[in-house]
Amino acid sequence: MAPHELRRPFKRPPISDQQRRRELSLLRQANNRRDAQSHARCLASTILSLHSEPEPSVELVPEPEPEPEHQAGDFDLRQAAKLRGVEGRRWFATQLMLPEWMIDVPDRLCYDWYVFARPAGKRCFVVSSNGTTVSRLRNGSLLHRFPSALPSGARTKGNSCSAQSYCILDCIFHELDQTYYVIDMVCWAGYSLYECTAEFRFFWLNSKLVESGACEPPSFYHKYSFSQVSVYNCDQAGLHTAYAGPVPYMKDGLLFYNNFRVTEGSENLHSNFVVSDISPIIGSMESHRDDITGCDVVVLIIRALAWLRDVWHAHYQTGNTPLALVWKDEKCSQYVVDTDSKGLVPNQQQVVLELQGNGNLTTSDDPPVVFGCFDTGFIEKSGLQSGNLVRFAVGDGGLAFVDGKLEKADLQYLGKVNRARAFADSYSKVVFQYMARHSPLRIEDIASISSSSGQDNRTNEMEMVP
């Protein structure tokens, strides 16, 4: 064996098409640009006015479960305020950027990805507008309503912004220290960040959150403290720090964010670019001129120039996306393998799939992955209907893969799932849980790919520059 082959890191055989779907997601972003400013404004309005609620409470607000009359996808953002039960949960679940589980390590991990330690807790949107702040879980249930130091987050003289000066933060509420850890920024003081790169969103988050006073200790007009998470370039040093370094919260795995860009001169994607692609920036500056400072103008101009130079990025993509990945092991998370309702690890892996009209059993992915099929007789005998979520156990035959795709699955029917659940499992979650029980993806595997993808001259902790 040649000497150079001895130093070549071990590369696990692919068991998915995650890399191909990452490339398709980037292409989809390039071909389906939208009015992100309008989307953010409507989302803020919807979260705040979903339905009438009681006075502030740390308890979740229960919702009735009427029979659905429409498909959730048929509603726009404003109509979503009227959704209830399963429809509401389905709609809100698609508004957050939901990471896939890492089942294949990206080839350019060192260059195109950031990494940080994910706080354990409840994932939620936090919206401040019209003198109040509301946090909602991914199913739309109210978590907290409270005053905050975020722009328009409390009715105080010092927090007077225009009616359109709302904020939308992607957070994890960490119950042990009663703190909202902000993992992403969707909108700030009316400026939509949906179509900004992860690099710019993190920069804006770091500079604006502290400046607002939201990171200060709780007070009468600021009930809960907010905090940032440290984000690193996913090189060897950054990966090690995120994995083993100390943090002020309980860890629940690692989150990886893609920041791929296609720069000027690249042959693909750029043919569709037109000057109107920077219109959201211009519109943002025009509609919020009263709230813009000199520093903000400079940063927004830099952002516009960067948009012209590096048009196609990994933006804040709602719903399941392979452009964000989550990974866990026993050292950085208490919850690697799924547990049952009693908190115990079942002897067999359990999988939740959705029954389709043709009998197929599919995941929540777009497009969905088919794991099996029920015949008409069994469906009628079991009282199942199209759209039902069904639970299975993975039998001794396990899962089999051929050329990165699922070939067969040994599934044993257990029954229908509780109505409180809105979605089936994703393909990546099923495969990650299967790997965790049989052949887990180790931190050494990730580190070897990060090392082999090369080293650059970037500093360990990401430089927050636009």
Protein backbone atom coordinates (compact mmCIF):
# COMPACT_ATOMS: atom_id res chain seq x y z
CA MET A 1 0.00 0.00 0.00
CA ALA A 2 1.38 3.40 -0.94
CA PRO A 3 2.40 5.73 1.94
CA HIS A 4 -0.12 8.38 0.95
CA GLU A 5 -2.91 5.81 1.17
CA LEU A 6 -2.02 5.13 4.81
CA ARG A 7 -2.80 8.77 5.63
CA ARG A 8 -6.07 8.83 3.73
CA PRO A 9 -8.99 9.15 6.18
CA PHE A 10 -11.60 6.46 6.29
CA LYS A 11 -14.75 7.42 4.35
CA ARG A 12 -17.98 5.61 5.18
CA PRO A 13 -19.93 4.30 2.18
CA PRO A 14 -22.87 6.60 1.37
CA ILE A 15 -26.27 5.46 2.61
CA SER A 16 -28.27 8.43 1.31
CA ASP A 17 -28.48 11.06 -1.40
CA GLN A 18 -28.13 13.92 1.12
CA GLN A 19 -25.40 15.66 -0.89
CA ARG A 20 -27.48 15.61 -4.07
CA ARG A 21 -30.46 17.06 -2.22
CA ARG A 22 -28.26 19.84 -0.82
CA GLU A 23 -27.36 20.83 -4.36
CA LEU A 24 -31.03 20.69 -5.40
CA SER A 25 -31.98 22.90 -2.45
CA LEU A 26 -29.47 25.54 -3.54
CA LEU A 27 -30.85 25.41 -7.08
CA ARG A 28 -34.40 25.70 -5.75
CA GLN A 29 -33.45 28.82 -3.82
CA ALA A 30 -31.98 30.31 -6.97
CA ASN A 31 -35.05 29.56 -9.07
CA ASN A 32 -37.77 30.39 -6.55
CA ARG A 33 -36.92 33.76 -5.06
CA ARG A 34 -39.80 35.35 -3.19
CA ASP A 35 -40.83 38.52 -1.44
CA ALA A 36 -39.17 37.67 1.86
CA GLN A 37 -40.06 41.05 3.36
CA SER A 38 -43.79 40.38 2.91
CA HIS A 39 -43.40 36.82 4.18
CA ALA A 40 -41.70 37.99 7.38
CA ARG A 41 -44.31 40.70 8.03
CA CYS A 42 -47.20 38.26 7.60
CA LEU A 43 -45.51 35.61 9.74
CA ALA A 44 -45.06 38.09 12.59
CA SER A 45 -48.71 39.12 12.35
CA THR A 46 -49.87 35.50 12.28
CA ILE A 47 -47.86 34.43 15.32
CA LEU A 48 -49.13 37.36 17.37
CA SER A 49 -52.78 36.95 16.36
CA LEU A 50 -53.18 33.19 15.99
CA HIS A 51 -56.20 33.30 18.29
CA SER A 52 -57.26 34.92 21.56
CA GLU A 53 -55.28 33.74 24.53
CA PRO A 54 -55.38 34.25 28.31
CA GLU A 55 -52.98 36.36 30.33
CA PRO A 56 -49.26 35.45 30.39
CA SER A 57 -48.51 31.92 31.51
CA VAL A 58 -45.55 29.61 31.28
CA GLU A 59 -47.90 26.71 30.65
CA LEU A 60 -48.72 25.58 27.13
CA VAL A 61 -52.18 26.62 25.95
CA PRO A 62 -54.25 23.58 24.86
CA GLU A 63 -56.09 23.76 21.57
CA PRO A 64 -59.27 21.99 20.39
CA GLU A 65 -59.03 19.37 17.67
CA PRO A 66 -61.88 19.97 15.18
CA GLU A 67 -62.12 17.98 12.01
CA PRO A 68 -59.96 19.57 9.28
CA GLU A 69 -61.81 21.24 6.42
CA HIS A 70 -58.88 22.24 4.25
CA GLN A 71 -55.34 21.24 3.58
CA ALA A 72 -52.85 23.38 5.52
CA GLY A 73 -50.87 24.04 2.38
CA ASP A 74 -53.88 25.81 0.83
CA PHE A 75 -53.63 28.70 3.31
CA ASP A 76 -51.47 31.76 3.02
CA LEU A 77 -49.74 33.39 5.96
CA ARG A 78 -52.64 35.61 7.00
CA GLN A 79 -55.25 32.85 6.74
CA ALA A 80 -53.04 30.66 8.92
CA ALA A 81 -54.17 32.70 11.93
CA LYS A 82 -57.49 30.84 11.69
CA LEU A 83 -55.99 27.36 11.65
CA ARG A 84 -56.59 25.00 14.57
CA GLY A 85 -55.42 21.60 15.70
CA VAL A 86 -53.51 19.48 13.20
CA GLU A 87 -53.75 22.13 10.47
CA GLY A 88 -52.16 24.76 12.73
CA ARG A 89 -49.40 22.42 13.84
CA ARG A 90 -48.60 21.41 10.27
CA TRP A 91 -48.45 25.03 9.12
CA PHE A 92 -46.27 26.29 11.95
CA ALA A 93 -43.94 23.30 11.64
CA THR A 94 -43.10 24.44 8.12
CA GLN A 95 -42.16 28.00 9.17
CA LEU A 96 -39.03 27.04 11.09
CA MET A 97 -35.90 25.83 9.32
CA LEU A 98 -35.80 22.17 10.36
CA PRO A 99 -32.39 20.49 10.04
CA GLU A 100 -32.01 17.02 8.63
CA TRP A 101 -30.06 14.47 10.64
CA MET A 102 -26.47 13.99 9.50
CA ILE A 103 -26.23 10.55 7.94
CA ASP A 104 -23.49 11.40 5.40
CA VAL A 105 -20.70 13.87 6.14
CA PRO A 106 -20.57 16.71 3.56
CA ASP A 107 -17.42 16.65 1.43
CA ARG A 108 -16.58 20.35 1.84
CA LEU A 109 -17.32 20.46 5.55
CA CYS A 110 -14.28 22.62 6.33
CA TYR A 111 -15.08 25.30 3.74
CA ASP A 112 -18.86 25.48 3.40
CA TRP A 113 -20.18 24.85 6.91
CA TYR A 114 -20.45 26.41 10.36
CA VAL A 115 -20.96 24.43 13.56
CA PHE A 116 -22.21 25.18 17.07
CA ALA A 117 -23.39 23.30 20.15
CA ARG A 118 -27.18 23.09 20.16
CA PRO A 119 -28.83 24.06 23.47
CA ALA A 120 -31.24 21.52 24.95
CA GLY A 121 -34.78 22.84 25.22
CA LYS A 122 -37.90 23.87 23.32
CA ARG A 123 -37.47 25.11 19.75
CA CYS A 124 -39.65 28.15 19.12
CA PHE A 125 -40.23 31.40 17.26
CA VAL A 126 -40.00 34.60 19.31
CA VAL A 127 -41.80 37.63 17.84
CA SER A 128 -41.78 41.17 19.25
CA SER A 129 -44.26 43.70 17.89
CA ASN A 130 -46.62 46.46 19.09
CA GLY A 131 -45.23 46.50 22.62
CA THR A 132 -45.38 42.78 23.38
CA THR A 133 -43.30 39.65 22.84
CA VAL A 134 -44.70 36.20 22.09
CA SER A 135 -42.98 32.83 21.81
CA ARG A 136 -44.62 29.90 20.03
CA LEU A 137 -43.53 26.30 19.70
CA ARG A 138 -43.20 24.71 16.29
CA ASN A 139 -46.77 23.40 16.60
CA GLY A 140 -48.15 26.91 17.13
CA SER A 141 -48.87 26.49 20.85
CA LEU A 142 -48.22 29.53 23.02
CA LEU A 143 -45.11 29.17 25.17
CA HIS A 144 -44.79 32.67 26.71
CA ARG A 145 -46.23 36.15 26.30
CA PHE A 146 -44.02 38.70 28.01
CA PRO A 147 -42.33 42.12 27.80
CA SER A 148 -38.78 42.19 26.42
CA ALA A 149 -36.01 44.59 25.45
CA LEU A 150 -36.33 43.54 21.80
CA PRO A 151 -37.47 46.29 19.42
CA SER A 152 -41.23 46.86 19.99
CA GLY A 153 -41.10 44.13 22.64
CA ALA A 154 -42.47 46.15 25.58
CA ARG A 155 -44.63 49.19 26.18
CA THR A 156 -41.96 51.56 27.47
CA LYS A 157 -40.85 55.04 26.49
CA GLY A 158 -37.40 53.84 25.56
CA ASN A 159 -38.74 51.12 23.29
CA SER A 160 -40.72 53.21 20.83
CA CYS A 161 -40.42 51.96 17.25
CA SER A 162 -42.69 52.20 14.25
CA ALA A 163 -45.65 49.84 13.91
CA GLN A 164 -43.74 47.79 11.32
CA SER A 165 -40.65 47.41 13.52
CA TYR A 166 -41.17 43.76 14.44
CA CYS A 167 -38.59 41.06 15.15
CA ILE A 168 -38.63 37.30 14.51
CA LEU A 169 -36.00 35.16 16.22
CA ASP A 170 -35.41 31.42 15.91
CA CYS A 171 -34.73 30.32 19.49
CA ILE A 172 -34.40 27.42 21.90
CA PHE A 173 -35.86 28.02 25.37
CA HIS A 174 -33.51 26.50 27.96
CA GLU A 175 -35.61 25.81 31.04
CA LEU A 176 -32.74 25.32 33.50
CA ASP A 177 -31.69 28.97 33.33
CA GLN A 178 -34.96 30.34 31.85
CA THR A 179 -33.08 31.77 28.88
CA TYR A 180 -33.88 32.07 25.20
CA TYR A 181 -30.80 31.03 23.22
CA VAL A 182 -31.03 32.61 19.77
CA ILE A 183 -29.75 30.25 17.08
CA ASP A 184 -30.87 32.34 14.10
CA MET A 185 -32.39 35.68 13.19
CA VAL A 186 -35.23 35.81 10.66
CA CYS A 187 -36.18 39.47 10.92
CA TRP A 188 -34.87 42.45 12.92
CA ALA A 189 -36.65 45.81 13.33
CA GLY A 190 -38.59 45.11 10.15
CA TYR A 191 -35.56 44.05 8.07
CA SER A 192 -36.16 40.61 6.57
CA LEU A 193 -33.15 38.29 6.71
CA TYR A 194 -34.78 35.29 5.00
CA GLU A 195 -32.63 35.64 1.89
CA CYS A 196 -29.37 36.50 3.63
CA THR A 197 -26.54 34.05 4.10
CA ALA A 198 -25.96 32.34 7.44
CA GLU A 199 -22.79 34.42 7.72
CA PHE A 200 -24.70 37.69 7.50
CA ARG A 201 -27.53 36.52 9.77
CA PHE A 202 -25.04 35.54 12.47
CA PHE A 203 -23.22 38.87 12.11
CA TRP A 204 -26.45 40.84 12.39
CA LEU A 205 -27.54 38.71 15.35
CA ASN A 206 -24.30 39.27 17.24
CA SER A 207 -24.25 43.01 16.69
CA LYS A 208 -27.95 43.80 17.24
CA LEU A 209 -28.97 41.47 20.08
CA VAL A 210 -26.45 42.87 22.58
CA GLU A 211 -27.08 46.43 21.39
CA SER A 212 -30.82 46.07 22.11
CA GLY A 213 -30.28 45.11 25.75
CA ALA A 214 -32.01 41.76 25.27
CA CYS A 215 -28.99 39.96 26.76
CA GLU A 216 -29.34 41.85 30.05
CA PRO A 217 -30.64 40.04 33.18
CA PRO A 218 -34.43 39.84 33.57
CA SER A 219 -36.31 42.89 34.88
CA PHE A 220 -39.87 44.22 35.08
CA TYR A 221 -39.92 45.18 31.39
CA HIS A 222 -37.69 42.30 30.32
CA LYS A 223 -38.96 39.04 31.78
CA TYR A 224 -36.59 36.58 30.08
CA SER A 225 -32.97 36.96 29.12
CA PHE A 226 -31.72 36.23 25.60
CA SER A 227 -28.31 34.88 24.75
CA GLN A 228 -26.25 34.06 21.67
CA VAL A 229 -24.49 30.81 20.88
CA SER A 230 -20.87 30.73 19.74
CA VAL A 231 -20.62 29.77 16.08
CA TYR A 232 -17.44 28.34 14.58
CA ASN A 233 -16.01 27.54 11.18
CA CYS A 234 -16.22 23.78 10.81
CA ASP A 235 -12.49 23.15 10.61
CA GLN A 236 -10.68 20.85 13.04
CA ALA A 237 -10.36 23.47 15.77
CA GLY A 238 -13.92 24.76 15.41
CA LEU A 239 -15.43 21.28 15.41
CA HIS A 240 -13.47 20.32 18.53
CA THR A 241 -14.47 23.49 20.37
CA ALA A 242 -18.16 23.08 19.54
CA TYR A 243 -18.07 19.40 20.53
CA ALA A 244 -15.96 19.49 23.70
CA GLY A 245 -15.78 23.15 24.72
CA PRO A 246 -17.68 24.50 27.75
CA VAL A 247 -21.02 26.26 27.23
CA PRO A 248 -23.44 27.86 29.73
CA TYR A 249 -26.26 25.48 28.75
CA MET A 250 -26.93 21.77 28.49
CA LYS A 251 -25.92 20.51 25.06
CA ASP A 252 -28.19 18.53 22.78
CA GLY A 253 -25.90 17.67 19.91
CA LEU A 254 -24.25 19.80 17.23
CA LEU A 255 -25.90 21.93 14.55
CA PHE A 256 -24.22 22.45 11.17
CA TYR A 257 -25.25 25.36 8.91
CA ASN A 258 -24.34 25.47 5.24
CA ASN A 259 -22.97 28.74 3.88
CA PHE A 260 -22.18 27.68 0.32
CA ARG A 261 -21.86 30.50 -2.19
CA VAL A 262 -21.43 30.67 -5.95
CA THR A 263 -19.24 33.66 -6.68
CA GLU A 264 -18.92 35.81 -9.77
CA GLY A 265 -17.51 33.88 -12.69
CA SER A 266 -19.10 30.57 -11.78
CA GLU A 267 -20.68 28.86 -14.77
CA ASN A 268 -23.88 27.66 -13.11
CA LEU A 269 -26.85 29.46 -11.57
CA HIS A 270 -25.85 33.02 -12.51
CA SER A 271 -27.73 33.08 -15.79
CA ASN A 272 -30.99 33.83 -13.97
CA PHE A 273 -29.74 36.83 -11.95
CA VAL A 274 -31.33 40.22 -12.49
CA VAL A 275 -30.94 43.54 -10.65
CA SER A 276 -34.43 43.16 -9.16
CA ASP A 277 -32.97 40.48 -6.86
CA ILE A 278 -31.80 43.24 -4.51
CA SER A 279 -35.26 44.81 -4.33
CA PRO A 280 -35.99 43.36 -0.86
CA ILE A 281 -33.01 45.32 0.48
CA ILE A 282 -34.08 48.56 -1.17
CA GLY A 283 -37.66 48.06 -0.02
CA SER A 284 -36.49 47.36 3.52
CA MET A 285 -34.49 50.60 3.65
CA GLU A 286 -37.34 52.64 2.16
CA SER A 287 -40.15 51.31 4.37
CA HIS A 288 -38.18 51.72 7.58
CA ARG A 289 -36.32 54.96 6.94
CA ASP A 290 -37.34 56.39 10.34
CA ASP A 291 -35.65 53.54 12.22
CA ILE A 292 -32.44 53.32 10.14
CA THR A 293 -29.21 54.59 11.65
CA GLY A 294 -26.12 55.62 9.71
CA CYS A 295 -24.41 52.37 10.65
CA ASP A 296 -27.41 50.37 9.43
CA VAL A 297 -27.31 52.12 6.06
CA VAL A 298 -23.64 51.21 5.61
CA VAL A 299 -24.24 47.59 6.53
CA LEU A 300 -27.28 47.31 4.24
CA ILE A 301 -25.31 48.79 1.35
CA ILE A 302 -22.55 46.25 1.97
CA ARG A 303 -25.20 43.57 2.04
CA ALA A 304 -26.57 44.77 -1.31
CA LEU A 305 -23.12 44.73 -2.87
CA ALA A 306 -22.47 41.26 -1.49
CA TRP A 307 -25.81 40.17 -2.98
CA LEU A 308 -24.67 41.41 -6.38
CA ARG A 309 -21.31 39.65 -6.08
CA ASP A 310 -22.34 36.37 -4.42
CA VAL A 311 -25.93 35.86 -5.44
CA TRP A 312 -26.74 32.28 -4.57
CA HIS A 313 -26.38 31.28 -0.94
CA ALA A 314 -27.89 28.95 1.62
CA HIS A 315 -30.66 31.19 2.96
CA TYR A 316 -33.12 30.65 5.81
CA GLN A 317 -35.10 27.85 4.18
CA THR A 318 -38.32 26.92 5.96
CA GLY A 319 -39.30 23.30 6.52
CA ASN A 320 -37.00 20.28 6.31
CA THR A 321 -33.72 21.18 4.66
CA PRO A 322 -30.43 19.35 4.03
CA LEU A 323 -28.69 22.77 4.24
CA ALA A 324 -28.79 22.44 8.03
CA LEU A 325 -27.80 19.24 9.83
CA VAL A 326 -28.05 17.94 13.40
CA TRP A 327 -25.78 15.27 14.87
CA LYS A 328 -25.53 13.71 18.34
CA ASP A 329 -23.61 11.22 20.38
CA GLU A 330 -23.64 10.24 24.07
CA LYS A 331 -20.99 12.80 25.01
CA CYS A 332 -22.82 15.87 23.72
CA SER A 333 -26.46 14.85 24.23
CA GLN A 334 -28.62 12.98 26.72
CA TYR A 335 -31.04 12.01 23.97
CA VAL A 336 -29.25 10.18 21.17
CA VAL A 337 -31.62 7.24 20.76
CA ASP A 338 -35.35 7.98 20.81
CA THR A 339 -37.25 7.07 23.98
CA ASP A 340 -40.88 6.13 24.57
CA SER A 341 -43.50 8.11 26.53
CA LYS A 342 -41.97 6.84 29.80
CA GLY A 343 -38.49 8.05 28.87
CA LEU A 344 -37.19 4.53 28.25
CA VAL A 345 -35.34 3.29 25.17
CA PRO A 346 -37.51 0.62 23.48
CA ASN A 347 -35.93 -2.69 22.49
CA GLN A 348 -36.78 -2.03 18.85
CA GLN A 349 -36.47 1.21 16.93
CA GLN A 350 -39.84 2.84 16.29
CA VAL A 351 -40.75 4.70 13.10
CA VAL A 352 -43.72 6.97 12.35
CA LEU A 353 -44.93 7.09 8.73
CA GLU A 354 -47.89 8.71 6.95
CA LEU A 355 -50.49 6.62 5.14
CA GLN A 356 -51.18 7.89 1.61
CA GLY A 357 -54.35 7.42 -0.46
CA ASN A 358 -52.73 4.66 -2.54
CA GLY A 359 -51.66 2.73 0.56
CA ASN A 360 -48.03 3.88 0.51
CA LEU A 361 -46.32 4.60 3.84
CA THR A 362 -44.08 7.63 3.50
CA THR A 363 -41.81 10.00 5.40
CA SER A 364 -42.35 13.75 5.84
CA ASP A 365 -39.70 14.64 3.25
CA ASP A 366 -40.38 16.58 0.04
CA PRO A 367 -40.51 14.44 -2.02
CA PRO A 368 -41.45 11.72 0.49
CA VAL A 369 -39.59 8.41 0.76
CA VAL A 370 -41.75 5.26 0.52
CA PHE A 371 -41.00 2.64 3.20
CA GLY A 372 -43.77 0.20 2.39
CA CYS A 373 -47.41 -0.24 1.47
CA PHE A 374 -50.68 -1.44 3.06
CA ASP A 375 -53.22 -3.36 0.99
CA THR A 376 -56.81 -2.14 0.85
CA GLY A 377 -58.13 -5.00 2.99
CA PHE A 378 -55.80 -4.24 5.90
CA ILE A 379 -56.58 -0.51 5.72
CA GLU A 380 -60.33 -1.16 5.92
CA LYS A 381 -59.97 -3.74 8.69
CA SER A 382 -57.78 -1.42 10.79
CA GLY A 383 -60.00 1.62 10.30
CA LEU A 384 -57.14 3.65 8.85
CA GLN A 385 -57.59 6.64 6.56
CA SER A 386 -55.37 8.58 4.19
CA GLY A 387 -53.27 11.06 6.16
CA ASN A 388 -53.14 8.97 9.35
CA LEU A 389 -49.78 8.70 11.08
CA VAL A 390 -48.86 5.09 11.79
CA ARG A 391 -46.22 3.70 14.14
CA PHE A 392 -43.97 0.74 13.30
CA ALA A 393 -41.16 -1.16 14.94
CA VAL A 394 -38.08 -2.04 12.92
CA GLY A 395 -37.75 -5.82 12.94
CA ASP A 396 -34.66 -8.04 12.90
CA GLY A 397 -34.42 -7.59 9.13
CA GLY A 398 -33.58 -3.94 9.67
CA LEU A 399 -33.06 -1.49 6.82
CA ALA A 400 -31.18 -2.31 3.61
CA PHE A 401 -29.57 0.27 1.32
CA VAL A 402 -28.35 0.01 -2.29
CA ASP A 403 -26.40 2.85 -3.93
CA GLY A 404 -27.38 5.30 -1.22
CA LYS A 405 -31.11 4.54 -1.40
CA LEU A 406 -33.43 2.50 0.79
CA GLU A 407 -33.96 -0.93 -0.77
CA LYS A 408 -36.19 -2.59 1.85
CA ALA A 409 -37.35 -2.17 5.43
CA ASP A 410 -38.54 -4.81 7.91
CA LEU A 411 -41.43 -2.96 9.59
CA GLN A 412 -43.91 -4.33 12.14
CA TYR A 413 -47.23 -2.50 12.55
CA LEU A 414 -47.90 -1.13 16.06
CA GLY A 415 -50.89 1.18 15.58
CA LYS A 416 -51.96 4.76 14.98
CA VAL A 417 -50.10 7.71 16.50
CA ASN A 418 -51.54 10.20 18.99
CA ARG A 419 -53.38 13.05 17.24
CA ALA A 420 -51.15 15.62 18.92
CA ARG A 421 -48.42 14.71 16.45
CA ALA A 422 -48.46 16.59 13.15
CA PHE A 423 -45.81 14.94 10.96
CA ALA A 424 -44.22 11.62 10.13
CA ASP A 425 -40.52 11.04 10.72
CA SER A 426 -38.09 12.31 8.12
CA TYR A 427 -35.96 9.84 6.19
CA SER A 428 -32.76 11.22 7.71
CA LYS A 429 -34.11 10.77 11.26
CA VAL A 430 -35.10 7.16 10.62
CA VAL A 431 -31.67 6.37 9.17
CA PHE A 432 -29.78 8.27 11.90
CA GLN A 433 -31.66 6.39 14.62
CA TYR A 434 -30.95 3.11 12.86
CA MET A 435 -27.27 3.99 12.60
CA ALA A 436 -27.17 5.02 16.27
CA ARG A 437 -28.26 1.50 17.23
CA HIS A 438 -26.03 -0.40 14.82
CA SER A 439 -23.16 1.62 13.33
CA PRO A 440 -23.17 5.21 14.61
CA LEU A 441 -21.55 8.07 12.76
CA ARG A 442 -18.76 9.04 15.17
CA ILE A 443 -17.15 12.39 15.83
CA GLU A 444 -13.91 10.87 14.48
CA ASP A 445 -15.64 10.23 11.14
CA ILE A 446 -16.77 13.85 10.95
CA ALA A 447 -13.36 15.16 12.00
CA SER A 448 -11.58 13.05 9.37
CA ILE A 449 -13.73 14.54 6.60
CA SER A 450 -13.21 18.04 7.97
CA SER A 451 -9.46 17.45 7.97
CA SER A 452 -9.35 15.90 4.50
CA SER A 453 -11.40 18.74 2.97
CA GLY A 454 -8.46 21.04 3.64
CA GLN A 455 -7.43 23.80 5.96
CA ASP A 456 -7.76 27.53 5.33
CA ASN A 457 -6.59 30.69 7.03
CA ARG A 458 -9.85 31.55 8.76
CA THR A 459 -9.84 32.10 12.50
CA ASN A 460 -11.39 29.51 14.81
CA GLU A 461 -14.46 31.48 15.85
CA MET A 462 -16.27 32.84 12.85
CA GLU A 463 -15.59 36.45 11.97
CA MET A 464 -18.96 38.19 11.89
CA VAL A 465 -18.53 40.31 8.77
CA PRO A 466 -21.10 40.85 6.00
